[in-house]
Amino acid sequence: MTVRPPRNIGNKDDRDPLTAALEQEILNEKASTLSRLTVKLEQALSDLKTAESTAELSQEERDRLVAAAGEALWHVVIQRELCGLRQHKAFNDFLAVPSEVRLRMGPARLAGKNSQ
C-alpha cells in the first residue's frame, strides 16, 4: 500500500501553467460572486431597516422583507463556505444582521403559497 500526500499539499511549482491559470480564474469568480452577493445582502438589510422606520409598514410587507434578507444571507453563507470561510458570526455581527433575519435564513417562500 502506498500513501501519497493530498494533491493540494504538493509543490505548487510542478503544476501545469494552464491548470494554475484556470484555478486562479475560478478563485477570482468565487471572490467576485461573494462580493456581489454581499452587496445584495447589504441592500436587503438596508431596505428592511428603512421600511421599519416607516410607521405604515404592514406585517405582511415586513415578513416579506425579512424573508428576502434571510434568503440573501443564505446565499452569502453558501458562497462564503465555497470560498473556505466557515465562521460566520463575526461577518454577521459586522453587517449587523438582526437575529430575526439569521433565524429566517434560507429560501424565501413564494408569494401566494399557503404554509403546509
PDB file of N, CA and C in Angstrom:
ATOM      1  N   MET A   1       0.847  -1.177   0.000  1.00  0.00           N
ATOM      2  CA  MET A   1       0.000   0.000   0.000  1.00  0.00           C
ATOM      3  C   MET A   1       0.889   1.236   0.000  1.00  0.00           C
ATOM      4  N   THR A   2       0.556   2.185  -0.839  1.00  0.00           N
ATOM      5  CA  THR A   2       1.314   3.420  -0.948  1.00  0.00           C
ATOM      6  C   THR A   2       0.490   4.566  -0.392  1.00  0.00           C
ATOM      7  N   VAL A   3       1.166   5.441   0.317  1.00  0.00           N
ATOM      8  CA  VAL A   3       0.493   6.615   0.864  1.00  0.00           C
ATOM      9  C   VAL A   3       1.041   7.842   0.147  1.00  0.00           C
ATOM     10  N   ARG A   4       0.141   8.612  -0.429  1.00  0.00           N
ATOM     11  CA  ARG A   4       0.536   9.834  -1.116  1.00  0.00           C
ATOM     12  C   ARG A   4      -0.079  11.024  -0.395  1.00  0.00           C
ATOM     13  N   PRO A   5       0.628  12.142  -0.358  1.00  0.00           N
ATOM     14  CA  PRO A   5       0.026  13.344   0.236  1.00  0.00           C
ATOM     15  C   PRO A   5      -1.096  13.845  -0.670  1.00  0.00           C
ATOM     16  N   PRO A   6      -2.054  14.554  -0.103  1.00  0.00           N
ATOM     17  CA  PRO A   6      -3.115  15.128  -0.940  1.00  0.00           C
ATOM     18  C   PRO A   6      -2.526  16.012  -2.028  1.00  0.00           C
ATOM     19  N   ARG A   7      -3.213  16.107  -3.145  1.00  0.00           N
ATOM     20  CA  ARG A   7      -2.706  16.851  -4.292  1.00  0.00           C
ATOM     21  C   ARG A   7      -2.487  18.324  -3.982  1.00  0.00           C
ATOM     22  N   ASN A   8      -3.331  18.896  -3.133  1.00  0.00           N
ATOM     23  CA  ASN A   8      -3.211  20.330  -2.883  1.00  0.00           C
ATOM     24  C   ASN A   8      -2.070  20.678  -1.935  1.00  0.00           C
ATOM     25  N   ILE A   9      -1.432  19.676  -1.328  1.00  0.00           N
ATOM     26  CA  ILE A   9      -0.305  19.940  -0.434  1.00  0.00           C
ATOM     27  C   ILE A   9       1.016  19.906  -1.205  1.00  0.00           C
ATOM     28  N   GLY A  10       1.018  19.286  -2.359  1.00  0.00           N
ATOM     29  CA  GLY A  10       2.239  19.147  -3.142  1.00  0.00           C
ATOM     30  C   GLY A  10       2.829  20.482  -3.549  1.00  0.00           C
ATOM     31  N   ASN A  11       3.971  20.420  -4.172  1.00  0.00           N
ATOM     32  CA  ASN A  11       4.678  21.614  -4.621  1.00  0.00           C
ATOM     33  C   ASN A  11       3.855  22.329  -5.687  1.00  0.00           C
ATOM     34  N   LYS A  12       3.605  23.599  -5.484  1.00  0.00           N
ATOM     35  CA  LYS A  12       2.793  24.379  -6.420  1.00  0.00           C
ATOM     36  C   LYS A  12       3.544  24.637  -7.728  1.00  0.00           C
ATOM     37  N   ASP A  13       4.869  24.552  -7.706  1.00  0.00           N
ATOM     38  CA  ASP A  13       5.653  24.857  -8.897  1.00  0.00           C
ATOM     39  C   ASP A  13       5.547  23.776  -9.966  1.00  0.00           C
ATOM     40  N   ASP A  14       5.128  22.557  -9.591  1.00  0.00           N
ATOM     41  CA  ASP A  14       5.071  21.485 -10.574  1.00  0.00           C
ATOM     42  C   ASP A  14       3.716  21.413 -11.282  1.00  0.00           C
ATOM     43  N   ARG A  15       2.842  22.385 -11.044  1.00  0.00           N
ATOM     44  CA  ARG A  15       1.542  22.390 -11.710  1.00  0.00           C
ATOM     45  C   ARG A  15       1.684  22.867 -13.148  1.00  0.00           C
ATOM     46  N   ASP A  16       0.795  22.382 -13.954  1.00  0.00           N
ATOM     47  CA  ASP A  16       0.705  22.834 -15.339  1.00  0.00           C
ATOM     48  C   ASP A  16       0.280  24.301 -15.345  1.00  0.00           C
ATOM     49  N   PRO A  17       0.909  25.149 -16.147  1.00  0.00           N
ATOM     50  CA  PRO A  17       0.546  26.573 -16.151  1.00  0.00           C
ATOM     51  C   PRO A  17      -0.918  26.816 -16.528  1.00  0.00           C
ATOM     52  N   LEU A  18      -1.460  25.985 -17.397  1.00  0.00           N
ATOM     53  CA  LEU A  18      -2.870  26.144 -17.764  1.00  0.00           C
ATOM     54  C   LEU A  18      -3.785  25.811 -16.588  1.00  0.00           C
ATOM     55  N   THR A  19      -3.424  24.786 -15.837  1.00  0.00           N
ATOM     56  CA  THR A  19      -4.206  24.427 -14.655  1.00  0.00           C
ATOM     57  C   THR A  19      -4.132  25.537 -13.620  1.00  0.00           C
ATOM     58  N   ALA A  20      -2.946  26.087 -13.430  1.00  0.00           N
ATOM     59  CA  ALA A  20      -2.782  27.182 -12.469  1.00  0.00           C
ATOM     60  C   ALA A  20      -3.609  28.392 -12.882  1.00  0.00           C
ATOM     61  N   ALA A  21      -3.620  28.697 -14.170  1.00  0.00           N
ATOM     62  CA  ALA A  21      -4.410  29.834 -14.654  1.00  0.00           C
ATOM     63  C   ALA A  21      -5.899  29.585 -14.459  1.00  0.00           C
ATOM     64  N   LEU A  22      -6.336  28.364 -14.721  1.00  0.00           N
ATOM     65  CA  LEU A  22      -7.743  28.017 -14.530  1.00  0.00           C
ATOM     66  C   LEU A  22      -8.134  28.101 -13.056  1.00  0.00           C
ATOM     67  N   GLU A  23      -7.276  27.585 -12.176  1.00  0.00           N
ATOM     68  CA  GLU A  23      -7.559  27.663 -10.742  1.00  0.00           C
ATOM     69  C   GLU A  23      -7.632  29.112 -10.274  1.00  0.00           C
ATOM     70  N   GLN A  24      -6.766  29.957 -10.795  1.00  0.00           N
ATOM     71  CA  GLN A  24      -6.790  31.376 -10.438  1.00  0.00           C
ATOM     72  C   GLN A  24      -8.084  32.025 -10.914  1.00  0.00           C
ATOM     73  N   GLU A  25      -8.518  31.683 -12.107  1.00  0.00           N
ATOM     74  CA  GLU A  25      -9.772  32.227 -12.648  1.00  0.00           C
ATOM     75  C   GLU A  25     -10.967  31.780 -11.805  1.00  0.00           C
ATOM     76  N   ILE A  26     -10.959  30.538 -11.365  1.00  0.00           N
ATOM     77  CA  ILE A  26     -12.041  30.034 -10.508  1.00  0.00           C
ATOM     78  C   ILE A  26     -12.062  30.786  -9.186  1.00  0.00           C
ATOM     79  N   LEU A  27     -10.892  31.005  -8.592  1.00  0.00           N
ATOM     80  CA  LEU A  27     -10.826  31.766  -7.341  1.00  0.00           C
ATOM     81  C   LEU A  27     -11.337  33.188  -7.533  1.00  0.00           C
ATOM     82  N   ASN A  28     -10.979  33.804  -8.648  1.00  0.00           N
ATOM     83  CA  ASN A  28     -11.466  35.159  -8.934  1.00  0.00           C
ATOM     84  C   ASN A  28     -12.982  35.191  -9.050  1.00  0.00           C
ATOM     85  N   GLU A  29     -13.561  34.196  -9.713  1.00  0.00           N
ATOM     86  CA  GLU A  29     -15.021  34.133  -9.863  1.00  0.00           C
ATOM     87  C   GLU A  29     -15.709  33.926  -8.515  1.00  0.00           C
ATOM     88  N   LYS A  30     -15.131  33.077  -7.668  1.00  0.00           N
ATOM     89  CA  LYS A  30     -15.709  32.862  -6.333  1.00  0.00           C
ATOM     90  C   LYS A  30     -15.715  34.162  -5.533  1.00  0.00           C
ATOM     91  N   ALA A  31     -14.595  34.874  -5.567  1.00  0.00           N
ATOM     92  CA  ALA A  31     -14.496  36.132  -4.818  1.00  0.00           C
ATOM     93  C   ALA A  31     -15.442  37.186  -5.385  1.00  0.00           C
ATOM     94  N   SER A  32     -15.543  37.251  -6.689  1.00  0.00           N
ATOM     95  CA  SER A  32     -16.434  38.218  -7.330  1.00  0.00           C
ATOM     96  C   SER A  32     -17.893  37.931  -6.986  1.00  0.00           C
ATOM     97  N   THR A  33     -18.268  36.670  -7.013  1.00  0.00           N
ATOM     98  CA  THR A  33     -19.636  36.286  -6.661  1.00  0.00           C
ATOM     99  C   THR A  33     -19.925  36.609  -5.208  1.00  0.00           C
ATOM    100  N   LEU A  34     -18.973  36.341  -4.332  1.00  0.00           N
ATOM    101  CA  LEU A  34     -19.159  36.664  -2.918  1.00  0.00           C
ATOM    102  C   LEU A  34     -19.363  38.162  -2.734  1.00  0.00           C
ATOM    103  N   SER A  35     -18.615  38.950  -3.443  1.00  0.00           N
ATOM    104  CA  SER A  35     -18.757  40.404  -3.352  1.00  0.00           C
ATOM    105  C   SER A  35     -20.142  40.852  -3.813  1.00  0.00           C
ATOM    106  N   ARG A  36     -20.599  40.345  -4.954  1.00  0.00           N
ATOM    107  CA  ARG A  36     -21.932  40.722  -5.463  1.00  0.00           C
ATOM    108  C   ARG A  36     -23.034  40.299  -4.503  1.00  0.00           C
ATOM    109  N   LEU A  37     -22.936  39.098  -3.952  1.00  0.00           N
ATOM    110  CA  LEU A  37     -23.965  38.619  -3.026  1.00  0.00           C
ATOM    111  C   LEU A  37     -23.963  39.420  -1.727  1.00  0.00           C
ATOM    112  N   THR A  38     -22.786  39.835  -1.277  1.00  0.00           N
ATOM    113  CA  THR A  38     -22.705  40.649  -0.066  1.00  0.00           C
ATOM    114  C   THR A  38     -23.363  42.005  -0.285  1.00  0.00           C
ATOM    115  N   VAL A  39     -23.172  42.588  -1.458  1.00  0.00           N
ATOM    116  CA  VAL A  39     -23.831  43.863  -1.775  1.00  0.00           C
ATOM    117  C   VAL A  39     -25.347  43.682  -1.766  1.00  0.00           C
ATOM    118  N   LYS A  40     -25.840  42.573  -2.319  1.00  0.00           N
ATOM    119  CA  LYS A  40     -27.286  42.310  -2.312  1.00  0.00           C
ATOM    120  C   LYS A  40     -27.800  42.148  -0.884  1.00  0.00           C
ATOM    121  N   LEU A  41     -27.027  41.485  -0.024  1.00  0.00           N
ATOM    122  CA  LEU A  41     -27.421  41.339   1.377  1.00  0.00           C
ATOM    123  C   LEU A  41     -27.472  42.699   2.053  1.00  0.00           C
ATOM    124  N   GLU A  42     -26.456  43.509   1.841  1.00  0.00           N
ATOM    125  CA  GLU A  42     -26.444  44.848   2.441  1.00  0.00           C
ATOM    126  C   GLU A  42     -27.658  45.657   1.993  1.00  0.00           C
ATOM    127  N   GLN A  43     -28.034  45.533   0.729  1.00  0.00           N
ATOM    128  CA  GLN A  43     -29.203  46.255   0.210  1.00  0.00           C
ATOM    129  C   GLN A  43     -30.489  45.735   0.853  1.00  0.00           C
ATOM    130  N   ALA A  44     -30.609  44.420   1.000  1.00  0.00           N
ATOM    131  CA  ALA A  44     -31.803  43.844   1.631  1.00  0.00           C
ATOM    132  C   ALA A  44     -31.909  44.286   3.088  1.00  0.00           C
ATOM    133  N   LEU A  45     -30.783  44.329   3.794  1.00  0.00           N
ATOM    134  CA  LEU A  45     -30.797  44.786   5.186  1.00  0.00           C
ATOM    135  C   LEU A  45     -31.141  46.268   5.265  1.00  0.00           C
ATOM    136  N   SER A  46     -30.631  47.045   4.324  1.00  0.00           N
ATOM    137  CA  SER A  46     -30.945  48.470   4.281  1.00  0.00           C
ATOM    138  C   SER A  46     -32.429  48.692   3.992  1.00  0.00           C
ATOM    139  N   ASP A  47     -32.986  47.933   3.053  1.00  0.00           N
ATOM    140  CA  ASP A  47     -34.420  48.038   2.744  1.00  0.00           C
ATOM    141  C   ASP A  47     -35.264  47.713   3.969  1.00  0.00           C
ATOM    142  N   LEU A  48     -34.870  46.679   4.700  1.00  0.00           N
ATOM    143  CA  LEU A  48     -35.604  46.293   5.908  1.00  0.00           C
ATOM    144  C   LEU A  48     -35.534  47.391   6.957  1.00  0.00           C
ATOM    145  N   LYS A  49     -34.342  47.923   7.177  1.00  0.00           N
ATOM    146  CA  LYS A  49     -34.171  48.972   8.185  1.00  0.00           C
ATOM    147  C   LYS A  49     -34.955  50.227   7.812  1.00  0.00           C
ATOM    148  N   THR A  50     -34.915  50.602   6.545  1.00  0.00           N
ATOM    149  CA  THR A  50     -35.662  51.778   6.080  1.00  0.00           C
ATOM    150  C   THR A  50     -37.162  51.570   6.242  1.00  0.00           C
ATOM    151  N   ALA A  51     -37.642  50.399   5.879  1.00  0.00           N
ATOM    152  CA  ALA A  51     -39.076  50.116   5.982  1.00  0.00           C
ATOM    153  C   ALA A  51     -39.536  50.077   7.433  1.00  0.00           C
ATOM    154  N   GLU A  52     -38.684  49.573   8.325  1.00  0.00           N
ATOM    155  CA  GLU A  52     -39.064  49.511   9.739  1.00  0.00           C
ATOM    156  C   GLU A  52     -39.178  50.899  10.350  1.00  0.00           C
ATOM    157  N   SER A  53     -38.474  51.859   9.791  1.00  0.00           N
ATOM    158  CA  SER A  53     -38.575  53.221  10.319  1.00  0.00           C
ATOM    159  C   SER A  53     -39.857  53.912   9.847  1.00  0.00           C
ATOM    160  N   THR A  54     -40.543  53.304   8.894  1.00  0.00           N
ATOM    161  CA  THR A  54     -41.812  53.834   8.400  1.00  0.00           C
ATOM    162  C   THR A  54     -42.945  53.317   9.277  1.00  0.00           C
ATOM    163  N   ALA A  55     -43.807  54.210   9.714  1.00  0.00           N
ATOM    164  CA  ALA A  55     -44.897  53.824  10.614  1.00  0.00           C
ATOM    165  C   ALA A  55     -45.971  53.006   9.902  1.00  0.00           C
ATOM    166  N   GLU A  56     -46.049  53.081   8.582  1.00  0.00           N
ATOM    167  CA  GLU A  56     -47.123  52.431   7.839  1.00  0.00           C
ATOM    168  C   GLU A  56     -46.769  51.025   7.358  1.00  0.00           C
ATOM    169  N   LEU A  57     -45.739  50.419   7.856  1.00  0.00           N
ATOM    170  CA  LEU A  57     -45.301  49.106   7.394  1.00  0.00           C
ATOM    171  C   LEU A  57     -46.257  48.025   7.890  1.00  0.00           C
ATOM    172  N   SER A  58     -46.839  47.277   6.966  1.00  0.00           N
ATOM    173  CA  SER A  58     -47.739  46.188   7.354  1.00  0.00           C
ATOM    174  C   SER A  58     -46.911  44.970   7.766  1.00  0.00           C
ATOM    175  N   GLN A  59     -47.524  44.094   8.527  1.00  0.00           N
ATOM    176  CA  GLN A  59     -46.833  42.886   8.981  1.00  0.00           C
ATOM    177  C   GLN A  59     -46.466  42.000   7.791  1.00  0.00           C
ATOM    178  N   GLU A  60     -47.341  41.939   6.802  1.00  0.00           N
ATOM    179  CA  GLU A  60     -47.074  41.123   5.611  1.00  0.00           C
ATOM    180  C   GLU A  60     -45.856  41.649   4.843  1.00  0.00           C
ATOM    181  N   GLU A  61     -45.782  42.962   4.695  1.00  0.00           N
ATOM    182  CA  GLU A  61     -44.646  43.570   3.993  1.00  0.00           C
ATOM    183  C   GLU A  61     -43.352  43.374   4.786  1.00  0.00           C
ATOM    184  N   ARG A  62     -43.439  43.501   6.094  1.00  0.00           N
ATOM    185  CA  ARG A  62     -42.263  43.295   6.938  1.00  0.00           C
ATOM    186  C   ARG A  62     -41.775  41.848   6.828  1.00  0.00           C
ATOM    187  N   ASP A  63     -42.716  40.906   6.869  1.00  0.00           N
ATOM    188  CA  ASP A  63     -42.352  39.494   6.728  1.00  0.00           C
ATOM    189  C   ASP A  63     -41.677  39.231   5.381  1.00  0.00           C
ATOM    190  N   ARG A  64     -42.171  39.884   4.335  1.00  0.00           N
ATOM    191  CA  ARG A  64     -41.583  39.717   3.010  1.00  0.00           C
ATOM    192  C   ARG A  64     -40.145  40.247   2.980  1.00  0.00           C
ATOM    193  N   LEU A  65     -39.925  41.396   3.612  1.00  0.00           N
ATOM    194  CA  LEU A  65     -38.577  41.980   3.649  1.00  0.00           C
ATOM    195  C   LEU A  65     -37.620  41.135   4.486  1.00  0.00           C
ATOM    196  N   VAL A  66     -38.105  40.606   5.603  1.00  0.00           N
ATOM    197  CA  VAL A  66     -37.267  39.735   6.440  1.00  0.00           C
ATOM    198  C   VAL A  66     -36.918  38.462   5.674  1.00  0.00           C
ATOM    199  N   ALA A  67     -37.904  37.906   4.959  1.00  0.00           N
ATOM    200  CA  ALA A  67     -37.652  36.696   4.170  1.00  0.00           C
ATOM    201  C   ALA A  67     -36.646  36.971   3.056  1.00  0.00           C
ATOM    202  N   ALA A  68     -36.755  38.122   2.408  1.00  0.00           N
ATOM    203  CA  ALA A  68     -35.807  38.475   1.341  1.00  0.00           C
ATOM    204  C   ALA A  68     -34.397  38.635   1.908  1.00  0.00           C
ATOM    205  N   ALA A  69     -34.287  39.266   3.066  1.00  0.00           N
ATOM    206  CA  ALA A  69     -32.974  39.421   3.705  1.00  0.00           C
ATOM    207  C   ALA A  69     -32.432  38.063   4.147  1.00  0.00           C
ATOM    208  N   GLY A  70     -33.310  37.195   4.646  1.00  0.00           N
ATOM    209  CA  GLY A  70     -32.894  35.850   5.048  1.00  0.00           C
ATOM    210  C   GLY A  70     -32.382  35.040   3.872  1.00  0.00           C
ATOM    211  N   GLU A  71     -33.046  35.185   2.732  1.00  0.00           N
ATOM    212  CA  GLU A  71     -32.589  34.470   1.541  1.00  0.00           C
ATOM    213  C   GLU A  71     -31.252  35.034   1.053  1.00  0.00           C
ATOM    214  N   ALA A  72     -31.095  36.348   1.093  1.00  0.00           N
ATOM    215  CA  ALA A  72     -29.823  36.962   0.696  1.00  0.00           C
ATOM    216  C   ALA A  72     -28.696  36.503   1.626  1.00  0.00           C
ATOM    217  N   LEU A  73     -28.990  36.420   2.918  1.00  0.00           N
ATOM    218  CA  LEU A  73     -27.988  35.932   3.877  1.00  0.00           C
ATOM    219  C   LEU A  73     -27.621  34.490   3.575  1.00  0.00           C
ATOM    220  N   TRP A  74     -28.601  33.681   3.258  1.00  0.00           N
ATOM    221  CA  TRP A  74     -28.379  32.272   2.920  1.00  0.00           C
ATOM    222  C   TRP A  74     -27.431  32.160   1.727  1.00  0.00           C
ATOM    223  N   HIS A  75     -27.669  32.967   0.694  1.00  0.00           N
ATOM    224  CA  HIS A  75     -26.801  32.942  -0.488  1.00  0.00           C
ATOM    225  C   HIS A  75     -25.366  33.317  -0.126  1.00  0.00           C
ATOM    226  N   VAL A  76     -25.206  34.326   0.718  1.00  0.00           N
ATOM    227  CA  VAL A  76     -23.860  34.757   1.120  1.00  0.00           C
ATOM    228  C   VAL A  76     -23.162  33.663   1.926  1.00  0.00           C
ATOM    229  N   VAL A  77     -23.881  33.038   2.843  1.00  0.00           N
ATOM    230  CA  VAL A  77     -23.283  31.985   3.674  1.00  0.00           C
ATOM    231  C   VAL A  77     -22.824  30.821   2.799  1.00  0.00           C
ATOM    232  N   ILE A  78     -23.641  30.430   1.840  1.00  0.00           N
ATOM    233  CA  ILE A  78     -23.246  29.340   0.937  1.00  0.00           C
ATOM    234  C   ILE A  78     -21.975  29.717   0.179  1.00  0.00           C
ATOM    235  N   GLN A  79     -21.927  30.926  -0.357  1.00  0.00           N
ATOM    236  CA  GLN A  79     -20.752  31.345  -1.125  1.00  0.00           C
ATOM    237  C   GLN A  79     -19.524  31.481  -0.233  1.00  0.00           C
ATOM    238  N   ARG A  80     -19.709  31.968   0.995  1.00  0.00           N
ATOM    239  CA  ARG A  80     -18.580  32.059   1.927  1.00  0.00           C
ATOM    240  C   ARG A  80     -18.009  30.667   2.192  1.00  0.00           C
ATOM    241  N   GLU A  81     -18.884  29.683   2.361  1.00  0.00           N
ATOM    242  CA  GLU A  81     -18.406  28.326   2.610  1.00  0.00           C
ATOM    243  C   GLU A  81     -17.698  27.753   1.386  1.00  0.00           C
ATOM    244  N   LEU A  82     -18.184  28.080   0.194  1.00  0.00           N
ATOM    245  CA  LEU A  82     -17.490  27.644  -1.023  1.00  0.00           C
ATOM    246  C   LEU A  82     -16.100  28.261  -1.130  1.00  0.00           C
ATOM    247  N   CYS A  83     -15.928  29.443  -0.557  1.00  0.00           N
ATOM    248  CA  CYS A  83     -14.626  30.122  -0.558  1.00  0.00           C
ATOM    249  C   CYS A  83     -13.745  29.664   0.601  1.00  0.00           C
ATOM    250  N   GLY A  84     -14.255  28.774   1.439  1.00  0.00           N
ATOM    251  CA  GLY A  84     -13.472  28.262   2.557  1.00  0.00           C
ATOM    252  C   GLY A  84     -13.640  29.042   3.846  1.00  0.00           C
ATOM    253  N   LEU A  85     -14.568  29.974   3.879  1.00  0.00           N
ATOM    254  CA  LEU A  85     -14.815  30.775   5.086  1.00  0.00           C
ATOM    255  C   LEU A  85     -15.937  30.109   5.872  1.00  0.00           C
ATOM    256  N   ARG A  86     -15.593  29.451   6.952  1.00  0.00           N
ATOM    257  CA  ARG A  86     -16.563  28.633   7.678  1.00  0.00           C
ATOM    258  C   ARG A  86     -17.183  29.333   8.890  1.00  0.00           C
ATOM    259  N   GLN A  87     -16.559  30.374   9.397  1.00  0.00           N
ATOM    260  CA  GLN A  87     -17.070  31.077  10.573  1.00  0.00           C
ATOM    261  C   GLN A  87     -17.836  32.313  10.119  1.00  0.00           C
ATOM    262  N   HIS A  88     -19.104  32.410  10.510  1.00  0.00           N
ATOM    263  CA  HIS A  88     -19.951  33.483  10.010  1.00  0.00           C
ATOM    264  C   HIS A  88     -20.373  34.489  11.078  1.00  0.00           C
ATOM    265  N   LYS A  89     -20.127  34.200  12.337  1.00  0.00           N
ATOM    266  CA  LYS A  89     -20.613  35.078  13.406  1.00  0.00           C
ATOM    267  C   LYS A  89     -20.021  36.487  13.288  1.00  0.00           C
ATOM    268  N   ALA A  90     -18.722  36.583  13.118  1.00  0.00           N
ATOM    269  CA  ALA A  90     -18.085  37.906  13.015  1.00  0.00           C
ATOM    270  C   ALA A  90     -18.598  38.665  11.792  1.00  0.00           C
ATOM    271  N   PHE A  91     -18.816  37.962  10.701  1.00  0.00           N
ATOM    272  CA  PHE A  91     -19.356  38.586   9.487  1.00  0.00           C
ATOM    273  C   PHE A  91     -20.762  39.122   9.750  1.00  0.00           C
ATOM    274  N   ASN A  92     -21.607  38.298  10.370  1.00  0.00           N
ATOM    275  CA  ASN A  92     -22.976  38.728  10.686  1.00  0.00           C
ATOM    276  C   ASN A  92     -22.978  39.905  11.650  1.00  0.00           C
ATOM    277  N   ASP A  93     -22.091  39.871  12.621  1.00  0.00           N
ATOM    278  CA  ASP A  93     -22.003  40.977  13.580  1.00  0.00           C
ATOM    279  C   ASP A  93     -21.519  42.253  12.892  1.00  0.00           C
ATOM    280  N   PHE A  94     -20.557  42.114  11.984  1.00  0.00           N
ATOM    281  CA  PHE A  94     -20.026  43.277  11.268  1.00  0.00           C
ATOM    282  C   PHE A  94     -21.113  43.962  10.436  1.00  0.00           C
ATOM    283  N   LEU A  95     -21.960  43.162   9.792  1.00  0.00           N
ATOM    284  CA  LEU A  95     -23.048  43.717   8.981  1.00  0.00           C
ATOM    285  C   LEU A  95     -24.294  44.031   9.805  1.00  0.00           C
ATOM    286  N   ALA A  96     -24.251  43.745  11.102  1.00  0.00           N
ATOM    287  CA  ALA A  96     -25.392  43.981  11.998  1.00  0.00           C
ATOM    288  C   ALA A  96     -26.642  43.275  11.490  1.00  0.00           C
ATOM    289  N   VAL A  97     -26.489  41.993  11.154  1.00  0.00           N
ATOM    290  CA  VAL A  97     -27.630  41.202  10.692  1.00  0.00           C
ATOM    291  C   VAL A  97     -28.511  40.902  11.899  1.00  0.00           C
ATOM    292  N   PRO A  98     -29.778  41.328  11.870  1.00  0.00           N
ATOM    293  CA  PRO A  98     -30.665  41.072  13.015  1.00  0.00           C
ATOM    294  C   PRO A  98     -30.861  39.572  13.235  1.00  0.00           C
ATOM    295  N   SER A  99     -31.095  39.200  14.480  1.00  0.00           N
ATOM    296  CA  SER A  99     -31.277  37.780  14.794  1.00  0.00           C
ATOM    297  C   SER A  99     -32.482  37.201  14.063  1.00  0.00           C
ATOM    298  N   GLU A 100     -33.513  38.005  13.843  1.00  0.00           N
ATOM    299  CA  GLU A 100     -34.690  37.513  13.119  1.00  0.00           C
ATOM    300  C   GLU A 100     -34.322  37.114  11.687  1.00  0.00           C
ATOM    301  N   VAL A 101     -33.445  37.879  11.066  1.00  0.00           N
ATOM    302  CA  VAL A 101     -33.002  37.548   9.710  1.00  0.00           C
ATOM    303  C   VAL A 101     -32.142  36.290   9.747  1.00  0.00           C
ATOM    304  N   ARG A 102     -31.291  36.169  10.752  1.00  0.00           N
ATOM    305  CA  ARG A 102     -30.457  34.968  10.883  1.00  0.00           C
ATOM    306  C   ARG A 102     -31.327  33.728  11.042  1.00  0.00           C
ATOM    307  N   LEU A 103     -32.410  33.864  11.808  1.00  0.00           N
ATOM    308  CA  LEU A 103     -33.301  32.725  12.019  1.00  0.00           C
ATOM    309  C   LEU A 103     -34.105  32.386  10.766  1.00  0.00           C
ATOM    310  N   ARG A 104     -34.354  33.369   9.925  1.00  0.00           N
ATOM    311  CA  ARG A 104     -35.125  33.141   8.694  1.00  0.00           C
ATOM    312  C   ARG A 104     -34.219  32.840   7.499  1.00  0.00           C
ATOM    313  N   MET A 105     -32.945  32.584   7.760  1.00  0.00           N
ATOM    314  CA  MET A 105     -32.006  32.303   6.685  1.00  0.00           C
ATOM    315  C   MET A 105     -32.446  31.054   5.929  1.00  0.00           C
ATOM    316  N   GLY A 106     -32.550  31.176   4.625  1.00  0.00           N
ATOM    317  CA  GLY A 106     -32.975  30.069   3.776  1.00  0.00           C
ATOM    318  C   GLY A 106     -33.809  30.599   2.633  1.00  0.00           C
ATOM    319  N   PRO A 107     -34.325  29.699   1.804  1.00  0.00           N
ATOM    320  CA  PRO A 107     -35.113  30.161   0.664  1.00  0.00           C
ATOM    321  C   PRO A 107     -36.402  30.831   1.123  1.00  0.00           C
ATOM    322  N   ALA A 108     -36.732  31.940   0.491  1.00  0.00           N
ATOM    323  CA  ALA A 108     -37.967  32.650   0.824  1.00  0.00           C
ATOM    324  C   ALA A 108     -39.138  31.907   0.201  1.00  0.00           C
ATOM    325  N   ARG A 109     -40.270  31.940   0.886  1.00  0.00           N
ATOM    326  CA  ARG A 109     -41.471  31.317   0.333  1.00  0.00           C
ATOM    327  C   ARG A 109     -41.975  32.140  -0.835  1.00  0.00           C
ATOM    328  N   LEU A 110     -42.541  31.460  -1.790  1.00  0.00           N
ATOM    329  CA  LEU A 110     -43.123  32.155  -2.933  1.00  0.00           C
ATOM    330  C   LEU A 110     -44.398  32.850  -2.504  1.00  0.00           C
ATOM    331  N   ALA A 111     -44.657  34.003  -3.063  1.00  0.00           N
ATOM    332  CA  ALA A 111     -45.868  34.754  -2.732  1.00  0.00           C
ATOM    333  C   ALA A 111     -47.090  33.958  -3.163  1.00  0.00           C
ATOM    334  N   GLY A 112     -48.099  33.950  -2.313  1.00  0.00           N
ATOM    335  CA  GLY A 112     -49.345  33.270  -2.637  1.00  0.00           C
ATOM    336  C   GLY A 112     -49.387  31.812  -2.242  1.00  0.00           C
ATOM    337  N   LYS A 113     -48.318  31.271  -1.722  1.00  0.00           N
ATOM    338  CA  LYS A 113     -48.298  29.870  -1.302  1.00  0.00           C
ATOM    339  C   LYS A 113     -48.720  29.774   0.156  1.00  0.00           C
ATOM    340  N   ASN A 114     -49.625  28.873   0.444  1.00  0.00           N
ATOM    341  CA  ASN A 114     -50.056  28.644   1.821  1.00  0.00           C
ATOM    342  C   ASN A 114     -49.042  27.761   2.520  1.00  0.00           C
ATOM    343  N   SER A 115     -48.856  27.998   3.800  1.00  0.00           N
ATOM    344  CA  SER A 115     -47.933  27.148   4.557  1.00  0.00           C
ATOM    345  C   SER A 115     -48.616  25.830   4.861  1.00  0.00           C
ATOM    346  N   GLN A 116     -47.885  24.747   4.717  1.00  0.00           N
ATOM    347  CA  GLN A 116     -48.455  23.425   4.948  1.00  0.00           C
ATOM    348  C   GLN A 116     -47.626  22.676   5.940  1.00  0.00           C
TER     349      GLN A 116
END
